[in-house]
Amino acid sequence: LFLSGLNIVLYFALAIVDVFAEFLFFGSGKSSEKYSFWGSLFFALL
């Protein structure tokens, strides 16, 4: 339970990093929405 909880916390921490990375590289707006899947997939695979 403890390690699964740490895993969930790490997922949400990487999701926050993912949002900042997408904003840094692609900016905001309609064009950045198509890259959100790939950013999330990258951090999940990481």
PDB file of all heavy atoms in Angstrom:
ATOM      1  N   LEU A   1       0.816  -1.212   0.000  1.00  0.00           N
ATOM      2  CA  LEU A   1       0.000   0.000   0.000  1.00  0.00           C
ATOM      3  C   LEU A   1       0.849   1.261   0.000  1.00  0.00           C
ATOM      4  O   LEU A   1       0.546   2.232  -0.703  1.00  0.00           O
ATOM      5  CB  LEU A   1      -0.943  -0.003   1.201  1.00  0.00           C
ATOM      6  CG  LEU A   1      -2.072  -1.025   1.162  1.00  0.00           C
ATOM      7  CD1 LEU A   1      -2.852  -1.009   2.466  1.00  0.00           C
ATOM      8  CD2 LEU A   1      -2.981  -0.766  -0.012  1.00  0.00           C
ATOM      9  N   PHE A   2       1.925   1.254   0.780  1.00  0.00           N
ATOM     10  CA  PHE A   2       2.802   2.421   0.855  1.00  0.00           C
ATOM     11  C   PHE A   2       3.476   2.698  -0.483  1.00  0.00           C
ATOM     12  O   PHE A   2       3.483   3.835  -0.969  1.00  0.00           O
ATOM     13  CB  PHE A   2       3.850   2.224   1.958  1.00  0.00           C
ATOM     14  CG  PHE A   2       4.805   3.366   2.097  1.00  0.00           C
ATOM     15  CD1 PHE A   2       4.386   4.568   2.637  1.00  0.00           C
ATOM     16  CD2 PHE A   2       6.121   3.246   1.673  1.00  0.00           C
ATOM     17  CE1 PHE A   2       5.260   5.628   2.757  1.00  0.00           C
ATOM     18  CE2 PHE A   2       7.000   4.297   1.796  1.00  0.00           C
ATOM     19  CZ  PHE A   2       6.572   5.493   2.337  1.00  0.00           C
ATOM     20  N   LEU A   3       4.036   1.661  -1.108  1.00  0.00           N
ATOM     21  CA  LEU A   3       4.720   1.852  -2.383  1.00  0.00           C
ATOM     22  C   LEU A   3       3.741   2.158  -3.511  1.00  0.00           C
ATOM     23  O   LEU A   3       4.073   2.920  -4.430  1.00  0.00           O
ATOM     24  CB  LEU A   3       5.577   0.640  -2.716  1.00  0.00           C
ATOM     25  CG  LEU A   3       6.796   0.463  -1.815  1.00  0.00           C
ATOM     26  CD1 LEU A   3       7.553  -0.799  -2.180  1.00  0.00           C
ATOM     27  CD2 LEU A   3       7.703   1.665  -1.872  1.00  0.00           C
ATOM     28  N   SER A   4       2.542   1.624  -3.449  1.00  0.00           N
ATOM     29  CA  SER A   4       1.526   1.982  -4.442  1.00  0.00           C
ATOM     30  C   SER A   4       1.104   3.436  -4.280  1.00  0.00           C
ATOM     31  O   SER A   4       0.890   4.145  -5.274  1.00  0.00           O
ATOM     32  CB  SER A   4       0.314   1.061  -4.323  1.00  0.00           C
ATOM     33  OG  SER A   4       0.678  -0.264  -4.607  1.00  0.00           O
ATOM     34  N   GLY A   5       1.006   3.895  -3.043  1.00  0.00           N
ATOM     35  CA  GLY A   5       0.710   5.311  -2.789  1.00  0.00           C
ATOM     36  C   GLY A   5       1.815   6.213  -3.302  1.00  0.00           C
ATOM     37  O   GLY A   5       1.550   7.263  -3.904  1.00  0.00           O
ATOM     38  N   LEU A   6       3.065   5.819  -3.086  1.00  0.00           N
ATOM     39  CA  LEU A   6       4.185   6.597  -3.629  1.00  0.00           C
ATOM     40  C   LEU A   6       4.148   6.622  -5.151  1.00  0.00           C
ATOM     41  O   LEU A   6       4.475   7.642  -5.773  1.00  0.00           O
ATOM     42  CB  LEU A   6       5.517   6.010  -3.161  1.00  0.00           C
ATOM     43  CG  LEU A   6       5.949   6.313  -1.736  1.00  0.00           C
ATOM     44  CD1 LEU A   6       7.264   5.600  -1.436  1.00  0.00           C
ATOM     45  CD2 LEU A   6       6.095   7.790  -1.511  1.00  0.00           C
ATOM     46  N   ASN A   7       3.754   5.521  -5.749  1.00  0.00           N
ATOM     47  CA  ASN A   7       3.647   5.445  -7.204  1.00  0.00           C
ATOM     48  C   ASN A   7       2.588   6.416  -7.723  1.00  0.00           C
ATOM     49  O   ASN A   7       2.800   7.100  -8.731  1.00  0.00           O
ATOM     50  CB  ASN A   7       3.324   4.012  -7.612  1.00  0.00           C
ATOM     51  CG  ASN A   7       3.345   3.815  -9.094  1.00  0.00           C
ATOM     52  OD1 ASN A   7       4.100   4.452  -9.804  1.00  0.00           O
ATOM     53  ND2 ASN A   7       2.509   2.922  -9.563  1.00  0.00           N
ATOM     54  N   ILE A   8       1.460   6.490  -7.050  1.00  0.00           N
ATOM     55  CA  ILE A   8       0.399   7.410  -7.462  1.00  0.00           C
ATOM     56  C   ILE A   8       0.845   8.860  -7.301  1.00  0.00           C
ATOM     57  O   ILE A   8       0.609   9.699  -8.174  1.00  0.00           O
ATOM     58  CB  ILE A   8      -0.891   7.116  -6.665  1.00  0.00           C
ATOM     59  CG1 ILE A   8      -1.441   5.751  -7.059  1.00  0.00           C
ATOM     60  CG2 ILE A   8      -1.942   8.197  -6.889  1.00  0.00           C
ATOM     61  CD1 ILE A   8      -2.560   5.249  -6.186  1.00  0.00           C
ATOM     62  N   VAL A   9       1.539   9.153  -6.209  1.00  0.00           N
ATOM     63  CA  VAL A   9       2.060  10.513  -5.999  1.00  0.00           C
ATOM     64  C   VAL A   9       3.067  10.867  -7.088  1.00  0.00           C
ATOM     65  O   VAL A   9       3.061  11.988  -7.615  1.00  0.00           O
ATOM     66  CB  VAL A   9       2.682  10.638  -4.588  1.00  0.00           C
ATOM     67  CG1 VAL A   9       3.461  11.920  -4.448  1.00  0.00           C
ATOM     68  CG2 VAL A   9       1.592  10.557  -3.533  1.00  0.00           C
ATOM     69  N   LEU A  10       3.930   9.918  -7.451  1.00  0.00           N
ATOM     70  CA  LEU A  10       4.898  10.160  -8.523  1.00  0.00           C
ATOM     71  C   LEU A  10       4.198  10.404  -9.851  1.00  0.00           C
ATOM     72  O   LEU A  10       4.618  11.262 -10.631  1.00  0.00           O
ATOM     73  CB  LEU A  10       5.867   8.978  -8.645  1.00  0.00           C
ATOM     74  CG  LEU A  10       6.907   9.066  -9.761  1.00  0.00           C
ATOM     75  CD1 LEU A  10       7.837  10.249  -9.532  1.00  0.00           C
ATOM     76  CD2 LEU A  10       7.689   7.770  -9.865  1.00  0.00           C
ATOM     77  N   TYR A  11       3.109   9.684 -10.112  1.00  0.00           N
ATOM     78  CA  TYR A  11       2.371   9.901 -11.356  1.00  0.00           C
ATOM     79  C   TYR A  11       1.830  11.330 -11.422  1.00  0.00           C
ATOM     80  O   TYR A  11       1.962  12.002 -12.445  1.00  0.00           O
ATOM     81  CB  TYR A  11       1.219   8.903 -11.496  1.00  0.00           C
ATOM     82  CG  TYR A  11       0.471   9.079 -12.788  1.00  0.00           C
ATOM     83  CD1 TYR A  11       0.934   8.494 -13.952  1.00  0.00           C
ATOM     84  CD2 TYR A  11      -0.681   9.867 -12.863  1.00  0.00           C
ATOM     85  CE1 TYR A  11       0.275   8.678 -15.155  1.00  0.00           C
ATOM     86  CE2 TYR A  11      -1.339  10.058 -14.051  1.00  0.00           C
ATOM     87  CZ  TYR A  11      -0.860   9.460 -15.194  1.00  0.00           C
ATOM     88  OH  TYR A  11      -1.510   9.659 -16.384  1.00  0.00           O
ATOM     89  N   PHE A  12       1.232  11.798 -10.328  1.00  0.00           N
ATOM     90  CA  PHE A  12       0.680  13.156 -10.343  1.00  0.00           C
ATOM     91  C   PHE A  12       1.779  14.207 -10.384  1.00  0.00           C
ATOM     92  O   PHE A  12       1.607  15.254 -11.010  1.00  0.00           O
ATOM     93  CB  PHE A  12      -0.252  13.366  -9.150  1.00  0.00           C
ATOM     94  CG  PHE A  12      -1.569  12.667  -9.316  1.00  0.00           C
ATOM     95  CD1 PHE A  12      -1.963  11.673  -8.438  1.00  0.00           C
ATOM     96  CD2 PHE A  12      -2.411  12.974 -10.356  1.00  0.00           C
ATOM     97  CE1 PHE A  12      -3.167  11.016  -8.585  1.00  0.00           C
ATOM     98  CE2 PHE A  12      -3.629  12.327 -10.528  1.00  0.00           C
ATOM     99  CZ  PHE A  12      -3.998  11.343  -9.638  1.00  0.00           C
ATOM    100  N   ALA A  13       2.923  13.943  -9.758  1.00  0.00           N
ATOM    101  CA  ALA A  13       4.049  14.880  -9.838  1.00  0.00           C
ATOM    102  C   ALA A  13       4.566  14.959 -11.279  1.00  0.00           C
ATOM    103  O   ALA A  13       4.855  16.057 -11.788  1.00  0.00           O
ATOM    104  CB  ALA A  13       5.161  14.451  -8.883  1.00  0.00           C
ATOM    105  N   LEU A  14       4.671  13.814 -11.937  1.00  0.00           N
ATOM    106  CA  LEU A  14       5.108  13.824 -13.336  1.00  0.00           C
ATOM    107  C   LEU A  14       4.047  14.436 -14.250  1.00  0.00           C
ATOM    108  O   LEU A  14       4.380  15.015 -15.284  1.00  0.00           O
ATOM    109  CB  LEU A  14       5.461  12.410 -13.791  1.00  0.00           C
ATOM    110  CG  LEU A  14       6.762  11.840 -13.239  1.00  0.00           C
ATOM    111  CD1 LEU A  14       6.946  10.402 -13.691  1.00  0.00           C
ATOM    112  CD2 LEU A  14       7.948  12.685 -13.640  1.00  0.00           C
ATOM    113  N   ALA A  15       2.778  14.334 -13.894  1.00  0.00           N
ATOM    114  CA  ALA A  15       1.724  14.983 -14.681  1.00  0.00           C
ATOM    115  C   ALA A  15       1.851  16.500 -14.598  1.00  0.00           C
ATOM    116  O   ALA A  15       1.628  17.207 -15.590  1.00  0.00           O
ATOM    117  CB  ALA A  15       0.353  14.538 -14.197  1.00  0.00           C
ATOM    118  N   ILE A  16       2.235  17.000 -13.430  1.00  0.00           N
ATOM    119  CA  ILE A  16       2.450  18.441 -13.281  1.00  0.00           C
ATOM    120  C   ILE A  16       3.657  18.875 -14.097  1.00  0.00           C
ATOM    121  O   ILE A  16       3.629  19.900 -14.789  1.00  0.00           O
ATOM    122  CB  ILE A  16       2.602  18.801 -11.789  1.00  0.00           C
ATOM    123  CG1 ILE A  16       1.274  18.589 -11.064  1.00  0.00           C
ATOM    124  CG2 ILE A  16       3.077  20.243 -11.626  1.00  0.00           C
ATOM    125  CD1 ILE A  16       1.365  18.676  -9.562  1.00  0.00           C
ATOM    126  N   VAL A  17       4.717  18.087 -14.059  1.00  0.00           N
ATOM    127  CA  VAL A  17       5.901  18.383 -14.871  1.00  0.00           C
ATOM    128  C   VAL A  17       5.536  18.331 -16.349  1.00  0.00           C
ATOM    129  O   VAL A  17       6.016  19.148 -17.148  1.00  0.00           O
ATOM    130  CB  VAL A  17       7.049  17.401 -14.541  1.00  0.00           C
ATOM    131  CG1 VAL A  17       8.201  17.546 -15.510  1.00  0.00           C
ATOM    132  CG2 VAL A  17       7.522  17.596 -13.114  1.00  0.00           C
ATOM    133  N   ASP A  18       4.676  17.402 -16.720  1.00  0.00           N
ATOM    134  CA  ASP A  18       4.218  17.271 -18.102  1.00  0.00           C
ATOM    135  C   ASP A  18       3.512  18.537 -18.571  1.00  0.00           C
ATOM    136  O   ASP A  18       3.760  19.026 -19.683  1.00  0.00           O
ATOM    137  CB  ASP A  18       3.291  16.062 -18.214  1.00  0.00           C
ATOM    138  CG  ASP A  18       2.614  15.962 -19.563  1.00  0.00           C
ATOM    139  OD1 ASP A  18       3.275  16.238 -20.577  1.00  0.00           O
ATOM    140  OD2 ASP A  18       1.432  15.591 -19.600  1.00  0.00           O
ATOM    141  N   VAL A  19       2.660  19.091 -17.742  1.00  0.00           N
ATOM    142  CA  VAL A  19       1.928  20.305 -18.113  1.00  0.00           C
ATOM    143  C   VAL A  19       2.897  21.465 -18.316  1.00  0.00           C
ATOM    144  O   VAL A  19       2.797  22.209 -19.293  1.00  0.00           O
ATOM    145  CB  VAL A  19       0.867  20.643 -17.037  1.00  0.00           C
ATOM    146  CG1 VAL A  19       0.280  22.014 -17.282  1.00  0.00           C
ATOM    147  CG2 VAL A  19      -0.217  19.593 -17.025  1.00  0.00           C
ATOM    148  N   PHE A  20       3.861  21.611 -17.419  1.00  0.00           N
ATOM    149  CA  PHE A  20       4.837  22.681 -17.566  1.00  0.00           C
ATOM    150  C   PHE A  20       5.728  22.466 -18.793  1.00  0.00           C
ATOM    151  O   PHE A  20       6.066  23.424 -19.494  1.00  0.00           O
ATOM    152  CB  PHE A  20       5.691  22.819 -16.306  1.00  0.00           C
ATOM    153  CG  PHE A  20       4.987  23.521 -15.188  1.00  0.00           C
ATOM    154  CD1 PHE A  20       4.687  22.848 -14.025  1.00  0.00           C
ATOM    155  CD2 PHE A  20       4.633  24.852 -15.298  1.00  0.00           C
ATOM    156  CE1 PHE A  20       4.027  23.488 -12.989  1.00  0.00           C
ATOM    157  CE2 PHE A  20       3.984  25.509 -14.273  1.00  0.00           C
ATOM    158  CZ  PHE A  20       3.679  24.826 -13.115  1.00  0.00           C
ATOM    159  N   ALA A  21       6.103  21.223 -19.066  1.00  0.00           N
ATOM    160  CA  ALA A  21       6.937  20.944 -20.237  1.00  0.00           C
ATOM    161  C   ALA A  21       6.181  21.236 -21.534  1.00  0.00           C
ATOM    162  O   ALA A  21       6.752  21.799 -22.475  1.00  0.00           O
ATOM    163  CB  ALA A  21       7.397  19.489 -20.209  1.00  0.00           C
ATOM    164  N   GLU A  22       4.908  20.859 -21.575  1.00  0.00           N
ATOM    165  CA  GLU A  22       4.110  21.150 -22.770  1.00  0.00           C
ATOM    166  C   GLU A  22       3.964  22.651 -22.974  1.00  0.00           C
ATOM    167  O   GLU A  22       4.052  23.136 -24.106  1.00  0.00           O
ATOM    168  CB  GLU A  22       2.732  20.509 -22.655  1.00  0.00           C
ATOM    169  CG  GLU A  22       2.736  19.028 -22.828  1.00  0.00           C
ATOM    170  CD  GLU A  22       1.371  18.418 -22.600  1.00  0.00           C
ATOM    171  OE1 GLU A  22       0.370  19.168 -22.606  1.00  0.00           O
ATOM    172  OE2 GLU A  22       1.311  17.198 -22.411  1.00  0.00           O
ATOM    173  N   PHE A  23       3.759  23.385 -21.899  1.00  0.00           N
ATOM    174  CA  PHE A  23       3.636  24.835 -22.029  1.00  0.00           C
ATOM    175  C   PHE A  23       4.957  25.446 -22.461  1.00  0.00           C
ATOM    176  O   PHE A  23       4.989  26.371 -23.279  1.00  0.00           O
ATOM    177  CB  PHE A  23       3.166  25.456 -20.714  1.00  0.00           C
ATOM    178  CG  PHE A  23       2.999  26.945 -20.798  1.00  0.00           C
ATOM    179  CD1 PHE A  23       1.923  27.498 -21.462  1.00  0.00           C
ATOM    180  CD2 PHE A  23       3.926  27.789 -20.224  1.00  0.00           C
ATOM    181  CE1 PHE A  23       1.767  28.867 -21.553  1.00  0.00           C
ATOM    182  CE2 PHE A  23       3.785  29.167 -20.307  1.00  0.00           C
ATOM    183  CZ  PHE A  23       2.695  29.693 -20.969  1.00  0.00           C
ATOM    184  N   LEU A  24       6.070  24.924 -21.939  1.00  0.00           N
ATOM    185  CA  LEU A  24       7.385  25.465 -22.279  1.00  0.00           C
ATOM    186  C   LEU A  24       7.714  25.227 -23.744  1.00  0.00           C
ATOM    187  O   LEU A  24       8.217  26.123 -24.430  1.00  0.00           O
ATOM    188  CB  LEU A  24       8.453  24.824 -21.386  1.00  0.00           C
ATOM    189  CG  LEU A  24       9.891  25.248 -21.634  1.00  0.00           C
ATOM    190  CD1 LEU A  24      10.096  26.699 -21.219  1.00  0.00           C
ATOM    191  CD2 LEU A  24      10.840  24.354 -20.868  1.00  0.00           C
ATOM    192  N   PHE A  25       7.432  24.031 -24.242  1.00  0.00           N
ATOM    193  CA  PHE A  25       7.810  23.697 -25.615  1.00  0.00           C
ATOM    194  C   PHE A  25       6.786  24.100 -26.654  1.00  0.00           C
ATOM    195  O   PHE A  25       7.155  24.483 -27.763  1.00  0.00           O
ATOM    196  CB  PHE A  25       8.095  22.198 -25.737  1.00  0.00           C
ATOM    197  CG  PHE A  25       9.346  21.772 -25.035  1.00  0.00           C
ATOM    198  CD1 PHE A  25       9.285  20.887 -23.981  1.00  0.00           C
ATOM    199  CD2 PHE A  25      10.581  22.277 -25.404  1.00  0.00           C
ATOM    200  CE1 PHE A  25      10.430  20.494 -23.319  1.00  0.00           C
ATOM    201  CE2 PHE A  25      11.736  21.895 -24.757  1.00  0.00           C
ATOM    202  CZ  PHE A  25      11.663  20.998 -23.708  1.00  0.00           C
ATOM    203  N   PHE A  26       5.503  24.010 -26.336  1.00  0.00           N
ATOM    204  CA  PHE A  26       4.475  24.218 -27.349  1.00  0.00           C
ATOM    205  C   PHE A  26       3.615  25.452 -27.098  1.00  0.00           C
ATOM    206  O   PHE A  26       2.836  25.836 -27.965  1.00  0.00           O
ATOM    207  CB  PHE A  26       3.560  22.988 -27.440  1.00  0.00           C
ATOM    208  CG  PHE A  26       4.311  21.720 -27.676  1.00  0.00           C
ATOM    209  CD1 PHE A  26       4.283  20.696 -26.757  1.00  0.00           C
ATOM    210  CD2 PHE A  26       5.064  21.560 -28.825  1.00  0.00           C
ATOM    211  CE1 PHE A  26       4.976  19.530 -26.970  1.00  0.00           C
ATOM    212  CE2 PHE A  26       5.769  20.396 -29.055  1.00  0.00           C
ATOM    213  CZ  PHE A  26       5.727  19.376 -28.121  1.00  0.00           C
ATOM    214  N   GLY A  27       3.721  26.047 -25.944  1.00  0.00           N
ATOM    215  CA  GLY A  27       2.895  27.196 -25.632  1.00  0.00           C
ATOM    216  C   GLY A  27       1.473  26.777 -25.306  1.00  0.00           C
ATOM    217  O   GLY A  27       1.175  25.611 -25.095  1.00  0.00           O
ATOM    218  N   SER A  28       0.601  27.749 -25.253  1.00  0.00           N
ATOM    219  CA  SER A  28      -0.800  27.428 -24.961  1.00  0.00           C
ATOM    220  C   SER A  28      -1.624  27.648 -26.217  1.00  0.00           C
ATOM    221  O   SER A  28      -1.190  28.287 -27.163  1.00  0.00           O
ATOM    222  CB  SER A  28      -1.319  28.306 -23.824  1.00  0.00           C
ATOM    223  OG  SER A  28      -1.309  29.656 -24.234  1.00  0.00           O
ATOM    224  N   GLY A  29      -2.815  27.128 -26.186  1.00  0.00           N
ATOM    225  CA  GLY A  29      -3.706  27.325 -27.320  1.00  0.00           C
ATOM    226  C   GLY A  29      -4.114  26.013 -27.958  1.00  0.00           C
ATOM    227  O   GLY A  29      -3.835  24.929 -27.477  1.00  0.00           O
ATOM    228  N   LYS A  30      -4.791  26.149 -29.080  1.00  0.00           N
ATOM    229  CA  LYS A  30      -5.354  24.991 -29.762  1.00  0.00           C
ATOM    230  C   LYS A  30      -4.271  24.072 -30.330  1.00  0.00           C
ATOM    231  O   LYS A  30      -4.436  22.864 -30.367  1.00  0.00           O
ATOM    232  CB  LYS A  30      -6.247  25.507 -30.890  1.00  0.00           C
ATOM    233  CG  LYS A  30      -7.391  24.661 -31.258  1.00  0.00           C
ATOM    234  CD  LYS A  30      -8.351  24.453 -30.129  1.00  0.00           C
ATOM    235  CE  LYS A  30      -9.666  24.008 -30.679  1.00  0.00           C
ATOM    236  NZ  LYS A  30     -10.415  23.212 -29.770  1.00  0.00           N
ATOM    237  N   SER A  31      -3.161  24.633 -30.755  1.00  0.00           N
ATOM    238  CA  SER A  31      -2.128  23.799 -31.385  1.00  0.00           C
ATOM    239  C   SER A  31      -1.419  22.897 -30.383  1.00  0.00           C
ATOM    240  O   SER A  31      -0.889  21.852 -30.748  1.00  0.00           O
ATOM    241  CB  SER A  31      -1.097  24.685 -32.092  1.00  0.00           C
ATOM    242  OG  SER A  31      -0.417  25.488 -31.150  1.00  0.00           O
ATOM    243  N   SER A  32      -1.399  23.269 -29.113  1.00  0.00           N
ATOM    244  CA  SER A  32      -0.704  22.451 -28.116  1.00  0.00           C
ATOM    245  C   SER A  32      -1.535  21.258 -27.651  1.00  0.00           C
ATOM    246  O   SER A  32      -0.995  20.346 -27.038  1.00  0.00           O
ATOM    247  CB  SER A  32      -0.310  23.302 -26.912  1.00  0.00           C
ATOM    248  OG  SER A  32      -1.455  23.734 -26.218  1.00  0.00           O
ATOM    249  N   GLU A  33      -2.838  21.260 -27.945  1.00  0.00           N
ATOM    250  CA  GLU A  33      -3.695  20.157 -27.502  1.00  0.00           C
ATOM    251  C   GLU A  33      -3.357  18.845 -28.188  1.00  0.00           C
ATOM    252  O   GLU A  33      -3.489  17.783 -27.594  1.00  0.00           O
ATOM    253  CB  GLU A  33      -5.164  20.505 -27.739  1.00  0.00           C
ATOM    254  CG  GLU A  33      -5.687  21.564 -26.809  1.00  0.00           C
ATOM    255  CD  GLU A  33      -7.137  21.911 -27.088  1.00  0.00           C
ATOM    256  OE1 GLU A  33      -7.762  21.238 -27.938  1.00  0.00           O
ATOM    257  OE2 GLU A  33      -7.633  22.846 -26.474  1.00  0.00           O
ATOM    258  N   LYS A  34      -2.878  18.898 -29.420  1.00  0.00           N
ATOM    259  CA  LYS A  34      -2.569  17.654 -30.128  1.00  0.00           C
ATOM    260  C   LYS A  34      -1.301  16.995 -29.594  1.00  0.00           C
ATOM    261  O   LYS A  34      -1.079  15.815 -29.826  1.00  0.00           O
ATOM    262  CB  LYS A  34      -2.461  17.892 -31.624  1.00  0.00           C
ATOM    263  CG  LYS A  34      -1.391  18.868 -32.026  1.00  0.00           C
ATOM    264  CD  LYS A  34      -1.431  19.091 -33.523  1.00  0.00           C
ATOM    265  CE  LYS A  34      -0.461  20.193 -33.906  1.00  0.00           C
ATOM    266  NZ  LYS A  34      -0.512  20.494 -35.315  1.00  0.00           N
ATOM    267  N   TYR A  35      -0.473  17.735 -28.875  1.00  0.00           N
ATOM    268  CA  TYR A  35       0.742  17.164 -28.310  1.00  0.00           C
ATOM    269  C   TYR A  35       0.573  16.694 -26.866  1.00  0.00           C
ATOM    270  O   TYR A  35       1.487  16.095 -26.317  1.00  0.00           O
ATOM    271  CB  TYR A  35       1.879  18.184 -28.357  1.00  0.00           C
ATOM    272  CG  TYR A  35       2.217  18.625 -29.765  1.00  0.00           C
ATOM    273  CD1 TYR A  35       1.980  19.923 -30.173  1.00  0.00           C
ATOM    274  CD2 TYR A  35       2.775  17.729 -30.673  1.00  0.00           C
ATOM    275  CE1 TYR A  35       2.288  20.331 -31.458  1.00  0.00           C
ATOM    276  CE2 TYR A  35       3.078  18.124 -31.958  1.00  0.00           C
ATOM    277  CZ  TYR A  35       2.837  19.430 -32.333  1.00  0.00           C
ATOM    278  OH  TYR A  35       3.139  19.827 -33.611  1.00  0.00           O
ATOM    279  N   SER A  36      -0.560  16.957 -26.262  1.00  0.00           N
ATOM    280  CA  SER A  36      -0.739  16.594 -24.858  1.00  0.00           C
ATOM    281  C   SER A  36      -0.740  15.075 -24.665  1.00  0.00           C
ATOM    282  O   SER A  36      -0.234  14.583 -23.655  1.00  0.00           O
ATOM    283  CB  SER A  36      -2.019  17.209 -24.301  1.00  0.00           C
ATOM    284  OG  SER A  36      -3.141  16.661 -24.940  1.00  0.00           O
ATOM    285  N   PHE A  37      -1.277  14.319 -25.624  1.00  0.00           N
ATOM    286  CA  PHE A  37      -1.255  12.858 -25.524  1.00  0.00           C
ATOM    287  C   PHE A  37       0.177  12.349 -25.510  1.00  0.00           C
ATOM    288  O   PHE A  37       0.533  11.487 -24.710  1.00  0.00           O
ATOM    289  CB  PHE A  37      -2.031  12.241 -26.688  1.00  0.00           C
ATOM    290  CG  PHE A  37      -1.818  10.753 -26.799  1.00  0.00           C
ATOM    291  CD1 PHE A  37      -2.475   9.890 -25.939  1.00  0.00           C
ATOM    292  CD2 PHE A  37      -0.947  10.220 -27.740  1.00  0.00           C
ATOM    293  CE1 PHE A  37      -2.278   8.524 -26.023  1.00  0.00           C
ATOM    294  CE2 PHE A  37      -0.755   8.859 -27.830  1.00  0.00           C
ATOM    295  CZ  PHE A  37      -1.415   8.003 -26.977  1.00  0.00           C
ATOM    296  N   TRP A  38       1.008  12.866 -26.397  1.00  0.00           N
ATOM    297  CA  TRP A  38       2.380  12.378 -26.506  1.00  0.00           C
ATOM    298  C   TRP A  38       3.205  12.752 -25.291  1.00  0.00           C
ATOM    299  O   TRP A  38       4.060  11.979 -24.839  1.00  0.00           O
ATOM    300  CB  TRP A  38       3.028  12.897 -27.783  1.00  0.00           C
ATOM    301  CG  TRP A  38       2.326  12.373 -28.984  1.00  0.00           C
ATOM    302  CD1 TRP A  38       1.525  13.076 -29.834  1.00  0.00           C
ATOM    303  CD2 TRP A  38       2.313  11.025 -29.447  1.00  0.00           C
ATOM    304  NE1 TRP A  38       1.021  12.242 -30.795  1.00  0.00           N
ATOM    305  CE2 TRP A  38       1.494  10.984 -30.590  1.00  0.00           C
ATOM    306  CE3 TRP A  38       2.911   9.855 -28.998  1.00  0.00           C
ATOM    307  CZ2 TRP A  38       1.278   9.804 -31.291  1.00  0.00           C
ATOM    308  CZ3 TRP A  38       2.691   8.692 -29.717  1.00  0.00           C
ATOM    309  CH2 TRP A  38       1.886   8.674 -30.844  1.00  0.00           C
ATOM    310  N   GLY A  39       2.955  13.921 -24.724  1.00  0.00           N
ATOM    311  CA  GLY A  39       3.651  14.311 -23.498  1.00  0.00           C
ATOM    312  C   GLY A  39       3.257  13.424 -22.327  1.00  0.00           C
ATOM    313  O   GLY A  39       4.109  12.963 -21.563  1.00  0.00           O
ATOM    314  N   SER A  40       1.973  13.150 -22.207  1.00  0.00           N
ATOM    315  CA  SER A  40       1.501  12.265 -21.133  1.00  0.00           C
ATOM    316  C   SER A  40       2.029  10.849 -21.315  1.00  0.00           C
ATOM    317  O   SER A  40       2.424  10.196 -20.346  1.00  0.00           O
ATOM    318  CB  SER A  40      -0.021  12.242 -21.100  1.00  0.00           C
ATOM    319  OG  SER A  40      -0.533  13.517 -20.830  1.00  0.00           O
ATOM    320  N   LEU A  41       2.051  10.388 -22.550  1.00  0.00           N
ATOM    321  CA  LEU A  41       2.578   9.053 -22.828  1.00  0.00           C
ATOM    322  C   LEU A  41       4.064   8.971 -22.495  1.00  0.00           C
ATOM    323  O   LEU A  41       4.527   7.990 -21.911  1.00  0.00           O
ATOM    324  CB  LEU A  41       2.341   8.685 -24.293  1.00  0.00           C
ATOM    325  CG  LEU A  41       2.827   7.317 -24.731  1.00  0.00           C
ATOM    326  CD1 LEU A  41       2.022   6.229 -24.018  1.00  0.00           C
ATOM    327  CD2 LEU A  41       2.721   7.174 -26.229  1.00  0.00           C
ATOM    328  N   PHE A  42       4.812  10.012 -22.832  1.00  0.00           N
ATOM    329  CA  PHE A  42       6.240  10.029 -22.524  1.00  0.00           C
ATOM    330  C   PHE A  42       6.492   9.930 -21.030  1.00  0.00           C
ATOM    331  O   PHE A  42       7.331   9.140 -20.580  1.00  0.00           O
ATOM    332  CB  PHE A  42       6.891  11.308 -23.086  1.00  0.00           C
ATOM    333  CG  PHE A  42       8.300  11.509 -22.622  1.00  0.00           C
ATOM    334  CD1 PHE A  42       9.326  10.753 -23.162  1.00  0.00           C
ATOM    335  CD2 PHE A  42       8.597  12.438 -21.636  1.00  0.00           C
ATOM    336  CE1 PHE A  42      10.634  10.929 -22.736  1.00  0.00           C
ATOM    337  CE2 PHE A  42       9.889  12.612 -21.203  1.00  0.00           C
ATOM    338  CZ  PHE A  42      10.913  11.855 -21.753  1.00  0.00           C
ATOM    339  N   PHE A  43       5.775  10.716 -20.245  1.00  0.00           N
ATOM    340  CA  PHE A  43       6.004  10.700 -18.804  1.00  0.00           C
ATOM    341  C   PHE A  43       5.483   9.418 -18.150  1.00  0.00           C
ATOM    342  O   PHE A  43       6.036   8.960 -17.152  1.00  0.00           O
ATOM    343  CB  PHE A  43       5.417  11.946 -18.149  1.00  0.00           C
ATOM    344  CG  PHE A  43       6.289  13.154 -18.345  1.00  0.00           C
ATOM    345  CD1 PHE A  43       5.972  14.124 -19.268  1.00  0.00           C
ATOM    346  CD2 PHE A  43       7.449  13.302 -17.612  1.00  0.00           C
ATOM    347  CE1 PHE A  43       6.784  15.220 -19.456  1.00  0.00           C
ATOM    348  CE2 PHE A  43       8.266  14.392 -17.784  1.00  0.00           C
ATOM    349  CZ  PHE A  43       7.937  15.362 -18.721  1.00  0.00           C
ATOM    350  N   ALA A  44       4.432   8.816 -18.708  1.00  0.00           N
ATOM    351  CA  ALA A  44       3.971   7.522 -18.195  1.00  0.00           C
ATOM    352  C   ALA A  44       5.004   6.436 -18.485  1.00  0.00           C
ATOM    353  O   ALA A  44       5.305   5.600 -17.618  1.00  0.00           O
ATOM    354  CB  ALA A  44       2.624   7.159 -18.804  1.00  0.00           C
ATOM    355  N   LEU A  45       5.564   6.456 -19.691  1.00  0.00           N
ATOM    356  CA  LEU A  45       6.623   5.492 -20.023  1.00  0.00           C
ATOM    357  C   LEU A  45       7.877   5.731 -19.194  1.00  0.00           C
ATOM    358  O   LEU A  45       8.554   4.786 -18.787  1.00  0.00           O
ATOM    359  CB  LEU A  45       6.950   5.555 -21.511  1.00  0.00           C
ATOM    360  CG  LEU A  45       5.882   5.005 -22.441  1.00  0.00           C
ATOM    361  CD1 LEU A  45       6.276   5.221 -23.901  1.00  0.00           C
ATOM    362  CD2 LEU A  45       5.628   3.548 -22.168  1.00  0.00           C
ATOM    363  N   LEU A  46       8.174   6.992 -18.914  1.00  0.00           N
ATOM    364  CA  LEU A  46       9.307   7.316 -18.050  1.00  0.00           C
ATOM    365  C   LEU A  46       9.099   6.739 -16.657  1.00  0.00           C
ATOM    366  O   LEU A  46      10.025   6.173 -16.064  1.00  0.00           O
ATOM    367  CB  LEU A  46       9.500   8.838 -17.974  1.00  0.00           C
ATOM    368  CG  LEU A  46      10.610   9.328 -17.073  1.00  0.00           C
ATOM    369  CD1 LEU A  46      11.970   8.949 -17.646  1.00  0.00           C
ATOM    370  CD2 LEU A  46      10.514  10.834 -16.886  1.00  0.00           C
TER     371      LEU A  46
END
